[in-house]
Structure formats: structure tokens, C-alpha cells
Amino acid sequence: AALRNRPLTVLCDLPPAKDSLTFLLLGELSRYSNLTGSHDLSAIIADRSIQLALQQKGRTKELLRILTMRAVNLAKDPSKLKTANKFAVAAENMAKGYRDEGDKALYAETLVLLLGTVFVVLRPFRDCLEATLDSYRPLLNAGKTVYGLGTGMAYSYLYLNAGLPLNSPLIAPKLILFGEACHRFQMPTFEVFFNAYRQMMINLRKQKLSWTILKGDAFDEDAFLRSVEGNARAMTLRDTSTLRLVLAFIFSDEECMVAMLENLSKFTDPDIIAVRSYLRLGFIGLAGFQMGQNKLANKCLAYFKSLSKLGSPNASPIYHFMKAVAHPSRDKYDEAISQCKEARMMHLEAMANERCGMFLSDNGDDASKEYITAAYWLYNDWGASSKTNNMLEQHSFLTEATQGYRKAHSDASSNMRLANRMGGDFK
């Protein structure tokens, strides 16, 4: 109402001003509304803050924080995502002003919150990678350890969700450096995530057997779970079960899928970290449909359907993939494969091709070999050597594909080029 049909971005054109006592009080109320989940209070605070800024003819840091938290709160409800994006864009532009004035930490903190809740839903994952990574060092330098390490976690989820190459020489060293930072700052909850994530990547790339068990050079899940209890154990089990469910789906380990779905049955609601929700709910849906746990899977399908309707470029590929697994047909799988290819998510494209090949093989259709061969090369491009070796053992016809034969995957080379641009000094 205070804007009188003007866009929120007009606030960014206001000159900087010091926070008044009223703004500081509104900021405290905003944080309280966020903790208590009071959306009505959040809306009132945002509207009053906008009025005050226009009356005072100045933007303040507290106003920026209020706009940011309003975007975060709105993003919790997919039906309000477009409104959330309006607040997020205004906050992002305002934060750039403070960055240009020297406050890099405030800009990084703002951007990380918006990336993790709003932008990753409405923008391709790969478009969020660089900005996420650029926020890591300024946050740690400013003493905002939780935000900084959370940025490393978000980057790791983004990288996996985007389907970028596992064999890039850049991702593994980053994971080690993130883990070392967790150890240095005595943040064991973050550290265990990075170790488990590294072990998952080892299983995909180098493991000969026991692909779905997180035990190796980087992490031993059973040993760690025996050492913790309470909420720390529950949250660790949630995250490791998600990673193991991904592995179980890729390697078609049905026993593991059933066990991990049981572990995750209470975690079918999206949480505030959208990239974590995407991975967890996506594979609960895929594995749930494959194992006949339709009630569980349909809840995840509905989540991605709502995001797809809102135009999320990341939701549509996995939504169509889920629909194909739920009600398999060649046409449905072809649509899912097309969606994954368009989004440059070659890991999901590989899985969809393989599932289509399995479906056709079960129905005696020789076209299955075409899809399984395509899946093999996509997994190869992704860097999942453990999987390609497993496929060679399962499908004798794949040995006929000589090293001289290779389907052109321009997406794979673009993936590697992007990964190589993600380099930098994070020590």
C-alpha cells in the first residue's frame, strides 16, 4: 500500500541512511516473526518499514534485512513464490549498493539467504553456483561462521543437483577445504555432511562394491552414528539417508531404497534450504514410485508439480521423471529425457534413459539397448565410473561400444567448462 503501485525496487534508489530506533525495533520484530513463523506479523513489519523508508527518504541496513526475511518467509509457501521474488530482487539490488559502499559481508549474507530460499527455485541451479561460492570467504572473514559454512553446504547441493561432472579436479578439493574449515571452527554437524558427501562421490567414482554404504576413506556412517545421539544423530541420519537413497536409486539397490525411504518417511516436507529439499524430495519420489510406496512418492510429486507450474526450471525435469517412473511408458520417459537434456541435468538424463531401457527390456522391446547405451555414455560424462563399470558387467552388448564410438554430448563439455570456471582460492 505504501508503494502506491510502484515496484519495490524504487527503495533501492533511496540514499543510504542510518538506522533509527524505530527501524531497529522493527528489525527485532522481524527476527521474532521469522522465529515464530508469524507470517501476518512479517507482512505488517515489511509494510511499515517500507512506509518509514519512503517517509524518511532513505534506505537502511535494517530495511534490507527486513525485506530479505520477508522474501524468505514468503518463499516457504510455493503459491507466494512470485511475491517472494519481488522482495528478493529488491533486497538483492539494495544489497549491491551496500557492497559497492564496502560492506561485502552484508551483501554476501543477504545473497546467501535469497539464493538458498528464492533464487534456487526460480533460476537454474548452475546460475546460482558462482554467486553462492563468492559469498563463502566474505562471510567467514566477517566472523559469520554458520552462514559461511552453510554457503559451502549450499554450493555442494547445487553442484550435485545441477549434474555437474563428478570428476572435475575442482569439486573434491573444495569439499576438503570446506571440511577443514568446519574442523577449524569446531562445527562437527557441518563437517560430517562434507565427509559424507565426499564418500558418496567416492562411491560413484571409484568404489568396486558396496556402492550404497557410506564407509570408506572419507566417512564411516555407522561409526559416526554410534558416537552421537539426540537431534545431532537425527539430522545426520536424515542427510546421510538422502545421499544413500541417491546411490540406491542409481545402482538399483532395492533393499537399500526401502530402508532409506523408511528413514526419510518423516522428512517429506520441504525445509528452509531449498537445494537440500530438492535432492531429498526428488529421490524420495523417484525411489518411492519404483518401490510401490505411492502415498509417500505422491506427496513429493505434488511439491514438484506446484513448482513446475510456477515456472521453476529445476522442478520440471524431475517432475516429468517421477511421472514416468510412476506410470511408465516410452512416451513419458522420452518427455522426461527431453526435459532433463534441456535443463542440462545429465545425471537425471542418464537415470531416465536407463529406467526407460529397463522398462522396454522387461517388455521385450529391443529399443531398450539404445536407451541403456545412451545412459552409459551420460553416466560416463558425469564421471560415475563405478556405475559405468557396473553397467558393463550387467549388459554384455555395451562391450560392443568401442572407444572410437561416442555420442556427441555438447552439454557435457559445457558442464566441464562451467566447473572449471568455479575455481578459486578457498584456503
Foldseek 3Di string as FASTA:
>chain_A
DLCVPDALLVLLVFAADEDDPVLVVLLVQLVVCLVVVPLVSLVVSLVVLVNVCVVVRHDYLSNLVSLLSNLLSQLLDLVSLVVSVSSLVSSQSSLVVVVVVPLLLSNLLSLLLCCQRHCVLADQLLVSQQSLLVSQVSCVVVVVLVSNLVSLVLNLLSCVLLLFALPFPFPLVSLVLSLVSCVVVVPVLSNQLSLQSNQLSCLQFPDQDPSLASDDDRDHLVVVLVVDDDPSNLVSLLSNLLSSLVRCLLVVVLVSVVVSLVSCVVPCRDDSRNSSNCSRLLSNLLSCLQNVVNVSNVSSLVVLVSSVVVPGLSSVLSNLLSVCSNPNDLVSLVVSLVSCLVSLNLLSNLSSLQVNLVVCVVVVHPCSVVSNLSSLLSSVLSNRNSSNVVSVVVDVVNVVQDPVDDDDRPSSVVSNVSSVVSDDDDD
